[in-house]
Structure formats: structure tokens, C-alpha cells
Amino acid sequence: MYDSKATEPVTVTVREAKPTVSIATDGTRYSPGDTMITTIGFKNPATSSVDTLLAWYLHIPAYNYWWQVYLGTITLPANYDDSFEIPMEVGDWGKESFEAEWHVWLVEPKPPYEVIGHDSVGWSYVPGEMAQNRTIPAEIAEEITKKIEGAELPGKKAQGEIVPEETIKELTKEKKKQQKKKNGRSRVVN
């Protein structure tokens, strides 16, 4: 291929688009008894199927708490575009309000676990009038995991190998840097 003004050949490299993942909730504030509907979307614009690890984490920043909700290998068929709604009843998670985030990653299934895609969404817990005395992140996370187990996901296979915690921390730092650039902020909050 030649540029109309150039005398030298111009090389054009076409790369196949990578799969993406998205996550959203049907609201931003939840109280005991509410149903949170979390939607996870997957797209694979490639002309061949892709095996990937899906890592889904709960993050409660005030407690610097991370919990693995799901980690497993999934297969995204060629030209795939679908989403899955996962309803979950919000329990009595303490008398203190807190902010939380869902994070989802598509990661190469073998080391060094290169990130294919990432998304996150924030939401808030607002206690009811009869809330228990304390908020315990580990108990909340275990309750959420039990409610979400069995969620239908594309090409879901057996649970995958564990992605090292340090890898998740690095992924999160990278996402915060990207958000900083996108939002024009002057600092990164850890």
C-alpha cells in the first residue's frame, strides 16, 4: 500500500478487536430487602472463540476490603454480544452506610495473566431502621457470594486457578491511573 505523497511503502497492521466486559447495577443505593440487579455484559467481536478467565470482585474501599465473588474460565463464542442479569436480595449488612464497587476483569487464562478487559461500577449500602450493630465486610462478602453462586455466564467452565492478589492490586492501580487521566484529577486515591 502506498501513501499518495510518499515514495516508500506504508505498512498497515490490522489487529482483531479484543473481547470486552461491562458491569452495571439497576440503581446506586440499596437497603435491606431491596433487590440489586447486576448486569454483566460480554462482547467478542473476533471471528474465533476466546477462552478467558472472568474475575469478579467486591471492593469496599472504606475497609480496604476485596472479595473474590467469582473466578472461572469462560468461553466467548465468535461475534458474541450478550449480557446476564443477576438478581440479589440485599441483606442486613450493618447499621453503617458504606460505598462498594463491583469489578470485573477478563484476563488471559495463563500467566502472566494479561488483562483483556476491565469495568467497574459503584453502589451504596444504606441501612434500615433495625440494622444490626456492626458492619463486617467478610460476612457481607460471603453472603453475596452465596446469593450469586450458580449465576449463568457464557461458556462457564470449572472454577479457574486463582489470580494472585498482587495481580488484582496491580490491575486496580492501573484502572485508577486511567480514571485519573480520563477525569483530569491531580491525584490517585489508594
C-alpha atoms as a PDB file:
ATOM      1  CA  MET A   1       0.000   0.000   0.000  1.00  0.00           C
ATOM      2  CA  TYR A   2       1.344   3.445  -0.841  1.00  0.00           C
ATOM      3  CA  ASP A   3       0.637   6.851   0.620  1.00  0.00           C
ATOM      4  CA  SER A   4      -0.261   9.213  -2.217  1.00  0.00           C
ATOM      5  CA  LYS A   5       2.544  11.596  -1.158  1.00  0.00           C
ATOM      6  CA  ALA A   6       5.121   9.038  -0.080  1.00  0.00           C
ATOM      7  CA  THR A   7       7.533   7.145  -2.236  1.00  0.00           C
ATOM      8  CA  GLU A   8       8.082   4.405   0.353  1.00  0.00           C
ATOM      9  CA  PRO A   9       5.581   1.635   1.139  1.00  0.00           C
ATOM     10  CA  VAL A  10       3.398   2.168   4.209  1.00  0.00           C
ATOM     11  CA  THR A  11       2.738  -0.878   6.373  1.00  0.00           C
ATOM     12  CA  VAL A  12      -0.708  -1.153   7.916  1.00  0.00           C
ATOM     13  CA  THR A  13      -1.223  -3.684  10.690  1.00  0.00           C
ATOM     14  CA  VAL A  14      -4.808  -4.705  11.361  1.00  0.00           C
ATOM     15  CA  ARG A  15      -5.415  -6.271  14.746  1.00  0.00           C
ATOM     16  CA  GLU A  16      -8.539  -8.168  15.567  1.00  0.00           C
ATOM     17  CA  ALA A  17     -10.666  -6.431  18.195  1.00  0.00           C
ATOM     18  CA  LYS A  18     -10.416  -7.810  21.731  1.00  0.00           C
ATOM     19  CA  PRO A  19     -13.304  -9.019  23.875  1.00  0.00           C
ATOM     20  CA  THR A  20     -14.804  -6.595  26.391  1.00  0.00           C
ATOM     21  CA  VAL A  21     -16.675  -6.943  29.657  1.00  0.00           C
ATOM     22  CA  SER A  22     -19.034  -4.487  31.343  1.00  0.00           C
ATOM     23  CA  ILE A  23     -20.837  -4.383  34.674  1.00  0.00           C
ATOM     24  CA  ALA A  24     -23.772  -2.247  35.805  1.00  0.00           C
ATOM     25  CA  THR A  25     -26.379  -2.174  38.544  1.00  0.00           C
ATOM     26  CA  ASP A  26     -30.007  -1.117  38.267  1.00  0.00           C
ATOM     27  CA  GLY A  27     -29.515   1.574  40.920  1.00  0.00           C
ATOM     28  CA  THR A  28     -26.921   3.243  43.096  1.00  0.00           C
ATOM     29  CA  ARG A  29     -28.392   2.916  46.627  1.00  0.00           C
ATOM     30  CA  TYR A  30     -29.589  -0.282  48.257  1.00  0.00           C
ATOM     31  CA  SER A  31     -31.128  -1.102  51.641  1.00  0.00           C
ATOM     32  CA  PRO A  32     -32.040  -4.405  53.325  1.00  0.00           C
ATOM     33  CA  GLY A  33     -34.804  -6.141  51.391  1.00  0.00           C
ATOM     34  CA  ASP A  34     -34.028  -4.374  48.093  1.00  0.00           C
ATOM     35  CA  THR A  35     -33.158  -6.464  45.061  1.00  0.00           C
ATOM     36  CA  MET A  36     -29.959  -5.390  43.326  1.00  0.00           C
ATOM     37  CA  ILE A  37     -29.870  -6.447  39.693  1.00  0.00           C
ATOM     38  CA  THR A  38     -26.303  -6.627  38.448  1.00  0.00           C
ATOM     39  CA  THR A  39     -25.823  -6.914  34.700  1.00  0.00           C
ATOM     40  CA  ILE A  40     -22.592  -8.297  33.280  1.00  0.00           C
ATOM     41  CA  GLY A  41     -22.102  -7.841  29.538  1.00  0.00           C
ATOM     42  CA  PHE A  42     -19.684  -9.646  27.252  1.00  0.00           C
ATOM     43  CA  LYS A  43     -18.638  -8.847  23.694  1.00  0.00           C
ATOM     44  CA  ASN A  44     -16.290 -10.816  21.486  1.00  0.00           C
ATOM     45  CA  PRO A  45     -16.026  -9.123  18.081  1.00  0.00           C
ATOM     46  CA  ALA A  46     -13.363 -11.615  16.969  1.00  0.00           C
ATOM     47  CA  THR A  47     -14.062 -14.207  14.291  1.00  0.00           C
ATOM     48  CA  SER A  48     -12.982 -17.024  16.612  1.00  0.00           C
ATOM     49  CA  SER A  49     -13.978 -18.039  20.131  1.00  0.00           C
ATOM     50  CA  VAL A  50     -11.872 -16.865  23.076  1.00  0.00           C
ATOM     51  CA  ASP A  51     -11.188 -18.697  26.352  1.00  0.00           C
ATOM     52  CA  THR A  52     -10.611 -16.260  29.195  1.00  0.00           C
ATOM     53  CA  LEU A  53     -10.699 -16.014  32.955  1.00  0.00           C
ATOM     54  CA  LEU A  54     -13.552 -13.962  34.361  1.00  0.00           C
ATOM     55  CA  ALA A  55     -12.597 -12.390  37.691  1.00  0.00           C
ATOM     56  CA  TRP A  56     -15.460 -10.704  39.590  1.00  0.00           C
ATOM     57  CA  TYR A  57     -14.601  -8.895  42.813  1.00  0.00           C
ATOM     58  CA  LEU A  58     -16.405  -6.914  45.508  1.00  0.00           C
ATOM     59  CA  HIS A  59     -14.446  -3.923  46.829  1.00  0.00           C
ATOM     60  CA  ILE A  60     -15.431  -1.971  49.947  1.00  0.00           C
ATOM     61  CA  PRO A  61     -12.967   0.963  49.922  1.00  0.00           C
ATOM     62  CA  ALA A  62     -13.629   2.217  53.483  1.00  0.00           C
ATOM     63  CA  TYR A  63     -12.447  -1.133  54.823  1.00  0.00           C
ATOM     64  CA  ASN A  64      -9.805  -1.643  52.102  1.00  0.00           C
ATOM     65  CA  TYR A  65     -11.571  -4.953  51.571  1.00  0.00           C
ATOM     66  CA  TRP A  66     -11.525  -7.122  48.426  1.00  0.00           C
ATOM     67  CA  TRP A  67     -13.512 -10.326  47.984  1.00  0.00           C
ATOM     68  CA  GLN A  68     -13.450 -12.713  45.057  1.00  0.00           C
ATOM     69  CA  VAL A  69     -17.075 -13.298  44.090  1.00  0.00           C
ATOM     70  CA  TYR A  70     -16.300 -15.456  41.067  1.00  0.00           C
ATOM     71  CA  LEU A  71     -13.222 -16.663  39.237  1.00  0.00           C
ATOM     72  CA  GLY A  72     -13.540 -19.152  36.428  1.00  0.00           C
ATOM     73  CA  THR A  73     -12.793 -19.872  32.812  1.00  0.00           C
ATOM     74  CA  ILE A  74     -15.434 -18.884  30.283  1.00  0.00           C
ATOM     75  CA  THR A  75     -15.606 -19.235  26.518  1.00  0.00           C
ATOM     76  CA  LEU A  76     -16.832 -16.286  24.479  1.00  0.00           C
ATOM     77  CA  PRO A  77     -18.019 -17.506  21.062  1.00  0.00           C
ATOM     78  CA  ALA A  78     -17.050 -15.643  17.886  1.00  0.00           C
ATOM     79  CA  ASN A  79     -19.084 -12.476  17.208  1.00  0.00           C
ATOM     80  CA  TYR A  80     -20.641 -12.714  20.673  1.00  0.00           C
ATOM     81  CA  ASP A  81     -22.640  -9.919  22.321  1.00  0.00           C
ATOM     82  CA  ASP A  82     -24.821 -10.769  25.310  1.00  0.00           C
ATOM     83  CA  SER A  83     -25.468  -9.768  28.905  1.00  0.00           C
ATOM     84  CA  PHE A  84     -26.647 -11.569  32.003  1.00  0.00           C
ATOM     85  CA  GLU A  85     -28.804 -10.181  34.810  1.00  0.00           C
ATOM     86  CA  ILE A  86     -28.014 -11.464  38.273  1.00  0.00           C
ATOM     87  CA  PRO A  87     -30.609 -10.534  40.915  1.00  0.00           C
ATOM     88  CA  MET A  88     -29.542 -10.463  44.554  1.00  0.00           C
ATOM     89  CA  GLU A  89     -31.543  -9.546  47.633  1.00  0.00           C
ATOM     90  CA  VAL A  90     -29.670  -7.079  49.837  1.00  0.00           C
ATOM     91  CA  GLY A  91     -29.322  -8.322  53.401  1.00  0.00           C
ATOM     92  CA  ASP A  92     -28.939  -6.541  56.721  1.00  0.00           C
ATOM     93  CA  TRP A  93     -25.279  -5.626  56.388  1.00  0.00           C
ATOM     94  CA  GLY A  94     -24.908  -3.432  59.472  1.00  0.00           C
ATOM     95  CA  LYS A  95     -26.054  -0.057  60.759  1.00  0.00           C
ATOM     96  CA  GLU A  96     -23.375   1.945  58.928  1.00  0.00           C
ATOM     97  CA  SER A  97     -23.722   3.086  55.335  1.00  0.00           C
ATOM     98  CA  PHE A  98     -20.834   2.218  53.049  1.00  0.00           C
ATOM     99  CA  GLU A  99     -19.749   2.581  49.443  1.00  0.00           C
ATOM    100  CA  ALA A 100     -18.921  -0.541  47.446  1.00  0.00           C
ATOM    101  CA  GLU A 101     -17.778  -1.420  43.944  1.00  0.00           C
ATOM    102  CA  TRP A 102     -18.129  -4.389  41.649  1.00  0.00           C
ATOM    103  CA  HIS A 103     -15.071  -5.035  39.481  1.00  0.00           C
ATOM    104  CA  VAL A 104     -14.923  -7.486  36.573  1.00  0.00           C
ATOM    105  CA  TRP A 105     -11.865  -8.431  34.553  1.00  0.00           C
ATOM    106  CA  LEU A 106     -11.335 -10.593  31.522  1.00  0.00           C
ATOM    107  CA  VAL A 107      -7.823 -11.978  31.917  1.00  0.00           C
ATOM    108  CA  GLU A 108      -5.645 -14.269  29.803  1.00  0.00           C
ATOM    109  CA  PRO A 109      -6.079 -17.743  31.322  1.00  0.00           C
ATOM    110  CA  LYS A 110      -2.334 -18.376  31.732  1.00  0.00           C
ATOM    111  CA  PRO A 111       0.493 -16.420  33.391  1.00  0.00           C
ATOM    112  CA  PRO A 112       1.381 -13.586  33.237  1.00  0.00           C
ATOM    113  CA  TYR A 113      -2.427 -13.007  33.269  1.00  0.00           C
ATOM    114  CA  GLU A 114      -2.561 -10.134  30.792  1.00  0.00           C
ATOM    115  CA  VAL A 115      -5.722  -8.054  31.137  1.00  0.00           C
ATOM    116  CA  ILE A 116      -8.068  -8.252  28.168  1.00  0.00           C
ATOM    117  CA  GLY A 117     -10.781  -6.002  29.611  1.00  0.00           C
ATOM    118  CA  HIS A 118     -11.995  -4.401  32.863  1.00  0.00           C
ATOM    119  CA  ASP A 119     -15.017  -2.499  34.120  1.00  0.00           C
ATOM    120  CA  SER A 120     -16.384  -1.406  37.482  1.00  0.00           C
ATOM    121  CA  VAL A 121     -19.483   0.160  38.979  1.00  0.00           C
ATOM    122  CA  GLY A 122     -20.032   1.815  42.348  1.00  0.00           C
ATOM    123  CA  TRP A 123     -23.044   1.456  44.621  1.00  0.00           C
ATOM    124  CA  SER A 124     -24.022   2.311  48.214  1.00  0.00           C
ATOM    125  CA  TYR A 125     -25.479   0.352  51.104  1.00  0.00           C
ATOM    126  CA  VAL A 126     -27.909   2.330  53.265  1.00  0.00           C
ATOM    127  CA  PRO A 127     -29.022   0.509  56.436  1.00  0.00           C
ATOM    128  CA  GLY A 128     -32.596   0.021  57.529  1.00  0.00           C
ATOM    129  CA  GLU A 129     -34.012   1.205  60.859  1.00  0.00           C
ATOM    130  CA  MET A 130     -33.496  -2.164  62.573  1.00  0.00           C
ATOM    131  CA  ALA A 131     -29.960  -2.807  61.290  1.00  0.00           C
ATOM    132  CA  GLN A 132     -27.517  -4.910  63.285  1.00  0.00           C
ATOM    133  CA  ASN A 133     -24.862  -3.152  65.356  1.00  0.00           C
ATOM    134  CA  ARG A 134     -21.798  -3.608  63.181  1.00  0.00           C
ATOM    135  CA  THR A 135     -20.706  -3.965  59.594  1.00  0.00           C
ATOM    136  CA  ILE A 136     -18.421  -6.946  58.945  1.00  0.00           C
ATOM    137  CA  PRO A 137     -17.104  -6.967  55.348  1.00  0.00           C
ATOM    138  CA  ALA A 138     -16.168 -10.668  55.351  1.00  0.00           C
ATOM    139  CA  GLU A 139     -19.684 -11.710  56.374  1.00  0.00           C
ATOM    140  CA  ILE A 140     -21.224  -9.423  53.755  1.00  0.00           C
ATOM    141  CA  ALA A 141     -18.938 -10.834  51.064  1.00  0.00           C
ATOM    142  CA  GLU A 142     -19.720 -14.442  51.975  1.00  0.00           C
ATOM    143  CA  GLU A 143     -23.459 -13.714  51.921  1.00  0.00           C
ATOM    144  CA  ILE A 144     -23.172 -12.051  48.499  1.00  0.00           C
ATOM    145  CA  THR A 145     -21.143 -14.965  47.127  1.00  0.00           C
ATOM    146  CA  LYS A 146     -23.771 -17.489  48.274  1.00  0.00           C
ATOM    147  CA  LYS A 147     -26.536 -15.455  46.634  1.00  0.00           C
ATOM    148  CA  ILE A 148     -24.624 -15.156  43.360  1.00  0.00           C
ATOM    149  CA  GLU A 149     -23.402 -18.776  43.088  1.00  0.00           C
ATOM    150  CA  GLY A 150     -24.857 -20.525  40.104  1.00  0.00           C
ATOM    151  CA  ALA A 151     -25.205 -17.373  38.025  1.00  0.00           C
ATOM    152  CA  GLU A 152     -25.441 -18.204  34.339  1.00  0.00           C
ATOM    153  CA  LEU A 153     -22.400 -16.945  32.434  1.00  0.00           C
ATOM    154  CA  PRO A 154     -21.281 -17.615  28.851  1.00  0.00           C
ATOM    155  CA  GLY A 155     -19.436 -20.889  28.320  1.00  0.00           C
ATOM    156  CA  LYS A 156     -18.916 -21.207  32.078  1.00  0.00           C
ATOM    157  CA  LYS A 157     -16.421 -23.900  32.963  1.00  0.00           C
ATOM    158  CA  ALA A 158     -14.993 -25.151  36.240  1.00  0.00           C
ATOM    159  CA  GLN A 159     -13.527 -22.591  38.626  1.00  0.00           C
ATOM    160  CA  GLY A 160     -10.187 -21.361  37.307  1.00  0.00           C
ATOM    161  CA  GLU A 161      -6.888 -21.085  39.045  1.00  0.00           C
ATOM    162  CA  ILE A 162      -6.601 -18.241  41.498  1.00  0.00           C
ATOM    163  CA  VAL A 163      -5.246 -14.993  40.127  1.00  0.00           C
ATOM    164  CA  PRO A 164      -2.660 -13.803  42.656  1.00  0.00           C
ATOM    165  CA  GLU A 165      -3.868 -10.992  44.933  1.00  0.00           C
ATOM    166  CA  GLU A 166      -0.913  -8.860  43.826  1.00  0.00           C
ATOM    167  CA  THR A 167      -2.146  -9.117  40.232  1.00  0.00           C
ATOM    168  CA  ILE A 168      -5.578  -7.806  41.280  1.00  0.00           C
ATOM    169  CA  LYS A 169      -3.937  -4.922  43.179  1.00  0.00           C
ATOM    170  CA  GLU A 170      -1.885  -4.014  40.109  1.00  0.00           C
ATOM    171  CA  LEU A 171      -4.978  -4.171  37.902  1.00  0.00           C
ATOM    172  CA  THR A 172      -6.793  -1.826  40.276  1.00  0.00           C
ATOM    173  CA  LYS A 173      -3.890   0.653  40.401  1.00  0.00           C
ATOM    174  CA  GLU A 174      -3.781   0.711  36.604  1.00  0.00           C
ATOM    175  CA  LYS A 175      -7.546   1.344  36.420  1.00  0.00           C
ATOM    176  CA  LYS A 176      -7.232   4.244  38.897  1.00  0.00           C
ATOM    177  CA  LYS A 177      -4.447   5.773  36.781  1.00  0.00           C
ATOM    178  CA  GLN A 178      -6.664   5.517  33.699  1.00  0.00           C
ATOM    179  CA  GLN A 179      -9.573   7.147  35.551  1.00  0.00           C
ATOM    180  CA  LYS A 180      -7.274   9.934  36.748  1.00  0.00           C
ATOM    181  CA  LYS A 181      -6.214  10.697  33.178  1.00  0.00           C
ATOM    182  CA  LYS A 182      -9.805  10.480  31.974  1.00  0.00           C
ATOM    183  CA  ASN A 183     -11.180  12.736  34.726  1.00  0.00           C
ATOM    184  CA  GLY A 184      -8.221  15.147  34.789  1.00  0.00           C
ATOM    185  CA  ARG A 185      -7.705  14.646  38.518  1.00  0.00           C
ATOM    186  CA  SER A 186      -4.449  15.653  40.134  1.00  0.00           C
ATOM    187  CA  ARG A 187      -4.066  12.686  42.471  1.00  0.00           C
ATOM    188  CA  VAL A 188      -4.782   8.977  42.725  1.00  0.00           C
ATOM    189  CA  VAL A 189      -6.624   7.778  45.813  1.00  0.00           C
ATOM    190  CA  ASN A 190      -5.480   4.390  47.120  1.00  0.00           C
END
